[in-house]
Amino acid sequence: MQIRRSNERGYADHGWLRSYHTFSFANYMDPNHMGFRALRVINEDRVDPGYGFGAHPHRDMEIISYVLEGEMEHQDNMGNGEVMRPGDVQRMSAGTGVLHSEFNHSKESGLHFLQIWIQPAKRGITPSYEQKTFPTAERQGQWRLVASQEGRDGSVSVNQDVNLYAGLLGPGDQAPTPPARYGWLHVVKGAVDVNGETLSTGDAAAFQPGEAFSVTGVEAAEVLLFDLA
């Protein structure tokens, strides 16, 4: 098990945007942390009220957004316009090229969300968009599949051989861990025990194929688990 501590991440303060980078991104460059398998970016972003990312392009990347607090307004040149809230998972396949914007929908409250980039299995596909809600009850004390290659079990579909699970664990909760080939565990908030090590908000751990691990809640926690080919 390799642990990536929260305070080891890159950090950028743009005034209206404060962002932690698990992997190299923009002006943060660390050759030892360029990604993990097809997982390329996990950015933890906090956006001030009324601010956001103006229209900008992407191509050949699977982009997943996961809101922790507040409301995120999304618009793109495919005609999609949505507001995301906690429990929502959004997937955008940039493919041959897409233009989109992301703003804090509120003028009073901050926005806190994760932006996740996954390298695609196929390049040059037709751009597409999908958003689904996963209620707390479906994640409490268990792992809920929220993204997968074929969109299994009501998850959003992603153009890569990856399974993304979300779990909410209370103190002492230990849900059976889904099988993972290459596993990346990211603690969204709270604290969990992983094989005897305490991981807190922003911490992560990487696992190799066949490596056994268990996750137990230490305090109320929200956790993401990536199963990667």
C-alpha atoms as a PDB file:
ATOM      1  CA  MET A   1       0.000   0.000   0.000  1.00  0.00           C
ATOM      2  CA  GLN A   2       1.396   3.367  -1.038  1.00  0.00           C
ATOM      3  CA  ILE A   3      -0.048   6.359   0.801  1.00  0.00           C
ATOM      4  CA  ARG A   4      -0.397   9.838  -0.699  1.00  0.00           C
ATOM      5  CA  ARG A   5      -0.987  12.327   2.123  1.00  0.00           C
ATOM      6  CA  SER A   6      -3.169  15.387   1.665  1.00  0.00           C
ATOM      7  CA  ASN A   7      -0.387  17.799   2.620  1.00  0.00           C
ATOM      8  CA  GLU A   8       1.872  16.329  -0.083  1.00  0.00           C
ATOM      9  CA  ARG A   9      -0.484  17.442  -2.862  1.00  0.00           C
ATOM     10  CA  GLY A  10       0.086  20.424  -5.092  1.00  0.00           C
ATOM     11  CA  TYR A  11      -1.785  23.610  -4.191  1.00  0.00           C
ATOM     12  CA  ALA A  12      -2.829  26.702  -6.135  1.00  0.00           C
ATOM     13  CA  ASP A  13      -4.559  29.808  -4.786  1.00  0.00           C
ATOM     14  CA  HIS A  14      -6.129  31.975  -7.492  1.00  0.00           C
ATOM     15  CA  GLY A  15      -8.143  34.086  -5.066  1.00  0.00           C
ATOM     16  CA  TRP A  16     -11.600  32.986  -6.198  1.00  0.00           C
ATOM     17  CA  LEU A  17     -10.347  29.393  -6.647  1.00  0.00           C
ATOM     18  CA  ARG A  18      -8.321  27.272  -4.235  1.00  0.00           C
ATOM     19  CA  SER A  19      -7.288  23.902  -5.607  1.00  0.00           C
ATOM     20  CA  TYR A  20      -5.416  20.848  -4.338  1.00  0.00           C
ATOM     21  CA  HIS A  21      -3.876  18.580  -6.979  1.00  0.00           C
ATOM     22  CA  THR A  22      -3.366  14.900  -6.196  1.00  0.00           C
ATOM     23  CA  PHE A  23      -1.467  14.514  -9.480  1.00  0.00           C
ATOM     24  CA  SER A  24       0.590  16.928 -11.587  1.00  0.00           C
ATOM     25  CA  PHE A  25      -1.649  19.618 -13.056  1.00  0.00           C
ATOM     26  CA  ALA A  26      -1.152  23.104 -14.560  1.00  0.00           C
ATOM     27  CA  ASN A  27       1.792  24.765 -12.767  1.00  0.00           C
ATOM     28  CA  TYR A  28       2.209  21.888 -10.294  1.00  0.00           C
ATOM     29  CA  MET A  29       4.623  19.330 -11.724  1.00  0.00           C
ATOM     30  CA  ASP A  30       5.876  16.261  -9.869  1.00  0.00           C
ATOM     31  CA  PRO A  31       7.319  13.486 -12.071  1.00  0.00           C
ATOM     32  CA  ASN A  32       6.584  10.976  -9.287  1.00  0.00           C
ATOM     33  CA  HIS A  33       2.867  11.801  -9.351  1.00  0.00           C
ATOM     34  CA  MET A  34       1.716  12.036 -12.964  1.00  0.00           C
ATOM     35  CA  GLY A  35      -1.327   9.820 -12.464  1.00  0.00           C
ATOM     36  CA  PHE A  36      -2.195   6.243 -11.592  1.00  0.00           C
ATOM     37  CA  ARG A  37      -2.958   3.891 -14.484  1.00  0.00           C
ATOM     38  CA  ALA A  38      -5.689   5.658 -16.524  1.00  0.00           C
ATOM     39  CA  LEU A  39      -6.484   8.036 -13.624  1.00  0.00           C
ATOM     40  CA  ARG A  40      -4.859  11.329 -14.552  1.00  0.00           C
ATOM     41  CA  VAL A  41      -6.378  14.090 -12.354  1.00  0.00           C
ATOM     42  CA  ILE A  42      -8.064  14.463  -8.981  1.00  0.00           C
ATOM     43  CA  ASN A  43      -8.459  18.157  -8.190  1.00  0.00           C
ATOM     44  CA  GLU A  44     -10.211  19.272  -5.022  1.00  0.00           C
ATOM     45  CA  ASP A  45     -11.585  22.714  -5.864  1.00  0.00           C
ATOM     46  CA  ARG A  46     -13.214  25.420  -3.754  1.00  0.00           C
ATOM     47  CA  VAL A  47     -14.886  28.214  -5.729  1.00  0.00           C
ATOM     48  CA  ASP A  48     -16.089  31.510  -4.274  1.00  0.00           C
ATOM     49  CA  PRO A  49     -19.755  32.549  -4.714  1.00  0.00           C
ATOM     50  CA  GLY A  50     -20.547  33.771  -8.215  1.00  0.00           C
ATOM     51  CA  TYR A  51     -17.205  32.712  -9.688  1.00  0.00           C
ATOM     52  CA  GLY A  52     -16.175  29.842 -11.925  1.00  0.00           C
ATOM     53  CA  PHE A  53     -14.431  28.567 -15.017  1.00  0.00           C
ATOM     54  CA  GLY A  54     -15.486  30.367 -18.197  1.00  0.00           C
ATOM     55  CA  ALA A  55     -15.977  28.511 -21.479  1.00  0.00           C
ATOM     56  CA  HIS A  56     -12.866  26.445 -22.239  1.00  0.00           C
ATOM     57  CA  PRO A  57     -12.095  23.445 -24.472  1.00  0.00           C
ATOM     58  CA  HIS A  58     -11.259  19.800 -23.775  1.00  0.00           C
ATOM     59  CA  ARG A  59     -10.657  16.821 -26.026  1.00  0.00           C
ATOM     60  CA  ASP A  60      -9.965  13.103 -25.616  1.00  0.00           C
ATOM     61  CA  MET A  61     -10.538  12.989 -21.860  1.00  0.00           C
ATOM     62  CA  GLU A  62     -13.202  11.488 -19.594  1.00  0.00           C
ATOM     63  CA  ILE A  63     -14.119  14.184 -17.046  1.00  0.00           C
ATOM     64  CA  ILE A  64     -16.080  13.331 -13.898  1.00  0.00           C
ATOM     65  CA  SER A  65     -17.354  15.974 -11.481  1.00  0.00           C
ATOM     66  CA  TYR A  66     -18.393  15.121  -7.909  1.00  0.00           C
ATOM     67  CA  VAL A  67     -19.936  17.875  -5.768  1.00  0.00           C
ATOM     68  CA  LEU A  68     -19.243  17.869  -2.018  1.00  0.00           C
ATOM     69  CA  GLU A  69     -20.877  21.156  -0.968  1.00  0.00           C
ATOM     70  CA  GLY A  70     -22.853  23.830  -2.772  1.00  0.00           C
ATOM     71  CA  GLU A  71     -24.171  23.940  -6.325  1.00  0.00           C
ATOM     72  CA  MET A  72     -22.233  23.783  -9.589  1.00  0.00           C
ATOM     73  CA  GLU A  73     -23.701  25.128 -12.831  1.00  0.00           C
ATOM     74  CA  HIS A  74     -22.547  23.384 -16.009  1.00  0.00           C
ATOM     75  CA  GLN A  75     -23.091  24.486 -19.614  1.00  0.00           C
ATOM     76  CA  ASP A  76     -21.553  23.175 -22.829  1.00  0.00           C
ATOM     77  CA  ASN A  77     -21.755  23.525 -26.594  1.00  0.00           C
ATOM     78  CA  MET A  78     -23.668  20.228 -26.833  1.00  0.00           C
ATOM     79  CA  GLY A  79     -26.691  22.056 -25.438  1.00  0.00           C
ATOM     80  CA  ASN A  80     -26.452  20.747 -21.870  1.00  0.00           C
ATOM     81  CA  GLY A  81     -27.202  23.052 -18.964  1.00  0.00           C
ATOM     82  CA  GLU A  82     -27.424  21.502 -15.491  1.00  0.00           C
ATOM     83  CA  VAL A  83     -26.967  22.377 -11.827  1.00  0.00           C
ATOM     84  CA  MET A  84     -25.122  19.756  -9.763  1.00  0.00           C
ATOM     85  CA  ARG A  85     -25.574  19.225  -6.030  1.00  0.00           C
ATOM     86  CA  PRO A  86     -24.085  16.798  -3.475  1.00  0.00           C
ATOM     87  CA  GLY A  87     -24.902  13.227  -4.507  1.00  0.00           C
ATOM     88  CA  ASP A  88     -24.750  14.060  -8.217  1.00  0.00           C
ATOM     89  CA  VAL A  89     -22.122  12.558 -10.522  1.00  0.00           C
ATOM     90  CA  GLN A  90     -21.482  14.122 -13.905  1.00  0.00           C
ATOM     91  CA  ARG A  91     -19.529  12.563 -16.753  1.00  0.00           C
ATOM     92  CA  MET A  92     -18.419  14.389 -19.881  1.00  0.00           C
ATOM     93  CA  SER A  93     -16.619  12.546 -22.678  1.00  0.00           C
ATOM     94  CA  ALA A  94     -14.664  15.261 -24.471  1.00  0.00           C
ATOM     95  CA  GLY A  95     -13.797  13.090 -27.489  1.00  0.00           C
ATOM     96  CA  THR A  96     -13.205  15.103 -30.655  1.00  0.00           C
ATOM     97  CA  GLY A  97     -13.673  18.331 -28.713  1.00  0.00           C
ATOM     98  CA  VAL A  98     -16.098  20.102 -26.413  1.00  0.00           C
ATOM     99  CA  LEU A  99     -16.458  23.609 -24.993  1.00  0.00           C
ATOM    100  CA  HIS A 100     -17.896  23.955 -21.488  1.00  0.00           C
ATOM    101  CA  SER A 101     -18.083  26.201 -18.442  1.00  0.00           C
ATOM    102  CA  GLU A 102     -18.453  25.478 -14.715  1.00  0.00           C
ATOM    103  CA  PHE A 103     -19.619  28.106 -12.225  1.00  0.00           C
ATOM    104  CA  ASN A 104     -20.643  28.336  -8.614  1.00  0.00           C
ATOM    105  CA  HIS A 105     -24.414  28.606  -9.023  1.00  0.00           C
ATOM    106  CA  SER A 106     -24.776  30.452  -5.713  1.00  0.00           C
ATOM    107  CA  LYS A 107     -24.044  34.125  -5.066  1.00  0.00           C
ATOM    108  CA  GLU A 108     -23.848  33.539  -1.296  1.00  0.00           C
ATOM    109  CA  SER A 109     -22.305  30.109  -0.607  1.00  0.00           C
ATOM    110  CA  GLY A 110     -19.031  28.469  -1.636  1.00  0.00           C
ATOM    111  CA  LEU A 111     -18.713  25.514  -3.993  1.00  0.00           C
ATOM    112  CA  HIS A 112     -16.574  22.500  -3.070  1.00  0.00           C
ATOM    113  CA  PHE A 113     -16.154  19.725  -5.632  1.00  0.00           C
ATOM    114  CA  LEU A 114     -13.805  17.154  -7.106  1.00  0.00           C
ATOM    115  CA  GLN A 115     -12.818  17.203 -10.758  1.00  0.00           C
ATOM    116  CA  ILE A 116     -11.542  13.848 -11.981  1.00  0.00           C
ATOM    117  CA  TRP A 117      -9.908  13.151 -15.338  1.00  0.00           C
ATOM    118  CA  ILE A 118      -9.542   9.661 -16.764  1.00  0.00           C
ATOM    119  CA  GLN A 119      -7.661   8.924 -19.963  1.00  0.00           C
ATOM    120  CA  PRO A 120     -10.045   7.398 -22.546  1.00  0.00           C
ATOM    121  CA  ALA A 121      -9.869   3.876 -23.932  1.00  0.00           C
ATOM    122  CA  LYS A 122     -10.776   5.197 -27.394  1.00  0.00           C
ATOM    123  CA  ARG A 123      -9.767   8.571 -28.775  1.00  0.00           C
ATOM    124  CA  GLY A 124     -11.751  10.664 -31.228  1.00  0.00           C
ATOM    125  CA  ILE A 125     -15.219   9.575 -30.088  1.00  0.00           C
ATOM    126  CA  THR A 126     -18.312  11.755 -30.388  1.00  0.00           C
ATOM    127  CA  PRO A 127     -18.549  14.033 -27.321  1.00  0.00           C
ATOM    128  CA  SER A 128     -21.303  13.165 -24.835  1.00  0.00           C
ATOM    129  CA  TYR A 129     -22.626  14.114 -21.404  1.00  0.00           C
ATOM    130  CA  GLU A 130     -24.388  12.324 -18.561  1.00  0.00           C
ATOM    131  CA  GLN A 131     -25.467  13.228 -15.024  1.00  0.00           C
ATOM    132  CA  LYS A 132     -27.096  11.054 -12.352  1.00  0.00           C
ATOM    133  CA  THR A 133     -28.033  11.366  -8.689  1.00  0.00           C
ATOM    134  CA  PHE A 134     -26.970   8.766  -6.111  1.00  0.00           C
ATOM    135  CA  PRO A 135     -28.980   9.241  -2.890  1.00  0.00           C
ATOM    136  CA  THR A 136     -27.272   9.050   0.489  1.00  0.00           C
ATOM    137  CA  ALA A 137     -29.153   5.839   1.304  1.00  0.00           C
ATOM    138  CA  GLU A 138     -27.495   4.078  -1.645  1.00  0.00           C
ATOM    139  CA  ARG A 139     -24.010   4.982  -0.370  1.00  0.00           C
ATOM    140  CA  GLN A 140     -24.428   4.805   3.401  1.00  0.00           C
ATOM    141  CA  GLY A 141     -22.464   1.909   4.895  1.00  0.00           C
ATOM    142  CA  GLN A 142     -21.798   0.440   1.465  1.00  0.00           C
ATOM    143  CA  TRP A 143     -19.989   0.935  -1.832  1.00  0.00           C
ATOM    144  CA  ARG A 144     -22.164   2.266  -4.651  1.00  0.00           C
ATOM    145  CA  LEU A 145     -20.963   1.911  -8.233  1.00  0.00           C
ATOM    146  CA  VAL A 146     -21.288   5.426  -9.688  1.00  0.00           C
ATOM    147  CA  ALA A 147     -19.256   5.117 -12.935  1.00  0.00           C
ATOM    148  CA  SER A 148     -18.287   2.163 -15.127  1.00  0.00           C
ATOM    149  CA  GLN A 149     -17.412   1.350 -18.714  1.00  0.00           C
ATOM    150  CA  GLU A 150     -20.851   0.004 -19.614  1.00  0.00           C
ATOM    151  CA  GLY A 151     -22.867   2.113 -17.174  1.00  0.00           C
ATOM    152  CA  ARG A 152     -23.690  -0.960 -15.083  1.00  0.00           C
ATOM    153  CA  ASP A 153     -26.212  -0.920 -12.249  1.00  0.00           C
ATOM    154  CA  GLY A 154     -27.400   2.580 -13.054  1.00  0.00           C
ATOM    155  CA  SER A 155     -23.940   4.163 -12.953  1.00  0.00           C
ATOM    156  CA  VAL A 156     -22.788   6.780 -15.448  1.00  0.00           C
ATOM    157  CA  SER A 157     -20.881   5.295 -18.382  1.00  0.00           C
ATOM    158  CA  VAL A 158     -17.230   6.112 -19.008  1.00  0.00           C
ATOM    159  CA  ASN A 159     -14.998   5.459 -22.017  1.00  0.00           C
ATOM    160  CA  GLN A 160     -12.426   3.425 -20.072  1.00  0.00           C
ATOM    161  CA  ASP A 161     -12.147   0.078 -18.239  1.00  0.00           C
ATOM    162  CA  VAL A 162     -12.660   1.549 -14.786  1.00  0.00           C
ATOM    163  CA  ASN A 163     -15.128   1.122 -11.948  1.00  0.00           C
ATOM    164  CA  LEU A 164     -15.654   4.038  -9.576  1.00  0.00           C
ATOM    165  CA  TYR A 165     -17.364   3.394  -6.231  1.00  0.00           C
ATOM    166  CA  ALA A 166     -18.560   5.912  -3.635  1.00  0.00           C
ATOM    167  CA  GLY A 167     -19.122   5.012   0.007  1.00  0.00           C
ATOM    168  CA  LEU A 168     -20.288   6.744   3.187  1.00  0.00           C
ATOM    169  CA  LEU A 169     -18.887   5.105   6.321  1.00  0.00           C
ATOM    170  CA  GLY A 170     -19.740   5.911   9.923  1.00  0.00           C
ATOM    171  CA  PRO A 171     -17.474   5.093  12.864  1.00  0.00           C
ATOM    172  CA  GLY A 172     -16.886   1.332  12.869  1.00  0.00           C
ATOM    173  CA  ASP A 173     -18.597   0.761   9.520  1.00  0.00           C
ATOM    174  CA  GLN A 174     -16.781  -1.754   7.334  1.00  0.00           C
ATOM    175  CA  ALA A 175     -18.450  -2.497   4.018  1.00  0.00           C
ATOM    176  CA  PRO A 176     -17.060  -5.407   1.969  1.00  0.00           C
ATOM    177  CA  THR A 177     -14.518  -3.862  -0.390  1.00  0.00           C
ATOM    178  CA  PRO A 178     -15.278  -4.395  -4.102  1.00  0.00           C
ATOM    179  CA  PRO A 179     -12.618  -6.348  -5.995  1.00  0.00           C
ATOM    180  CA  ALA A 180      -9.983  -4.031  -7.430  1.00  0.00           C
ATOM    181  CA  ARG A 181      -7.265  -4.695  -9.979  1.00  0.00           C
ATOM    182  CA  TYR A 182      -5.194  -1.567  -9.508  1.00  0.00           C
ATOM    183  CA  GLY A 183      -6.930   0.303  -6.704  1.00  0.00           C
ATOM    184  CA  TRP A 184      -6.847   3.997  -5.817  1.00  0.00           C
ATOM    185  CA  LEU A 185      -8.675   4.995  -2.630  1.00  0.00           C
ATOM    186  CA  HIS A 186      -9.364   8.703  -2.064  1.00  0.00           C
ATOM    187  CA  VAL A 187     -10.767  10.019   1.216  1.00  0.00           C
ATOM    188  CA  VAL A 188     -13.169  12.790   0.279  1.00  0.00           C
ATOM    189  CA  LYS A 189     -13.814  13.782   3.900  1.00  0.00           C
ATOM    190  CA  GLY A 190     -13.626  12.338   7.394  1.00  0.00           C
ATOM    191  CA  ALA A 191     -11.266   9.538   8.395  1.00  0.00           C
ATOM    192  CA  VAL A 192     -10.965   5.807   7.747  1.00  0.00           C
ATOM    193  CA  ASP A 193      -8.662   2.997   8.804  1.00  0.00           C
ATOM    194  CA  VAL A 194      -7.051   1.185   5.878  1.00  0.00           C
ATOM    195  CA  ASN A 195      -5.006  -1.872   6.807  1.00  0.00           C
ATOM    196  CA  GLY A 196      -4.099  -0.297  10.151  1.00  0.00           C
ATOM    197  CA  GLU A 197      -3.268   3.157   8.743  1.00  0.00           C
ATOM    198  CA  THR A 198      -5.493   6.168   9.389  1.00  0.00           C
ATOM    199  CA  LEU A 199      -6.317   8.146   6.248  1.00  0.00           C
ATOM    200  CA  SER A 200      -8.004  11.524   6.616  1.00  0.00           C
ATOM    201  CA  THR A 201      -9.576  14.123   4.310  1.00  0.00           C
ATOM    202  CA  GLY A 202      -7.570  14.413   1.098  1.00  0.00           C
ATOM    203  CA  ASP A 203      -5.379  11.374   1.790  1.00  0.00           C
ATOM    204  CA  ALA A 204      -5.198   8.543  -0.730  1.00  0.00           C
ATOM    205  CA  ALA A 205      -3.742   5.050  -1.038  1.00  0.00           C
ATOM    206  CA  ALA A 206      -2.701   2.978  -4.049  1.00  0.00           C
ATOM    207  CA  PHE A 207      -2.936  -0.806  -4.273  1.00  0.00           C
ATOM    208  CA  GLN A 208      -1.423  -3.313  -6.674  1.00  0.00           C
ATOM    209  CA  PRO A 209      -3.339  -6.265  -8.169  1.00  0.00           C
ATOM    210  CA  GLY A 210      -4.011  -8.979  -5.622  1.00  0.00           C
ATOM    211  CA  GLU A 211      -3.223  -6.723  -2.656  1.00  0.00           C
ATOM    212  CA  ALA A 212      -5.852  -7.184   0.045  1.00  0.00           C
ATOM    213  CA  PHE A 213      -7.190  -4.149   1.876  1.00  0.00           C
ATOM    214  CA  SER A 214     -10.067  -3.282   4.168  1.00  0.00           C
ATOM    215  CA  VAL A 215     -11.630   0.089   4.922  1.00  0.00           C
ATOM    216  CA  THR A 216     -13.253   0.922   8.278  1.00  0.00           C
ATOM    217  CA  GLY A 217     -14.805   4.226   9.280  1.00  0.00           C
ATOM    218  CA  VAL A 218     -12.984   6.073  12.082  1.00  0.00           C
ATOM    219  CA  GLU A 219     -15.233   9.130  11.940  1.00  0.00           C
ATOM    220  CA  ALA A 220     -18.026   9.956   9.506  1.00  0.00           C
ATOM    221  CA  ALA A 221     -16.311   9.601   6.132  1.00  0.00           C
ATOM    222  CA  GLU A 222     -16.944   9.833   2.402  1.00  0.00           C
ATOM    223  CA  VAL A 223     -14.628   7.731   0.266  1.00  0.00           C
ATOM    224  CA  LEU A 224     -14.061   7.048  -3.443  1.00  0.00           C
ATOM    225  CA  LEU A 225     -12.531   3.818  -4.737  1.00  0.00           C
ATOM    226  CA  PHE A 226     -11.203   3.479  -8.292  1.00  0.00           C
ATOM    227  CA  ASP A 227     -10.780  -0.015  -9.750  1.00  0.00           C
ATOM    228  CA  LEU A 228      -8.483   0.421 -12.755  1.00  0.00           C
ATOM    229  CA  ALA A 229      -7.293  -1.946 -15.474  1.00  0.00           C
END
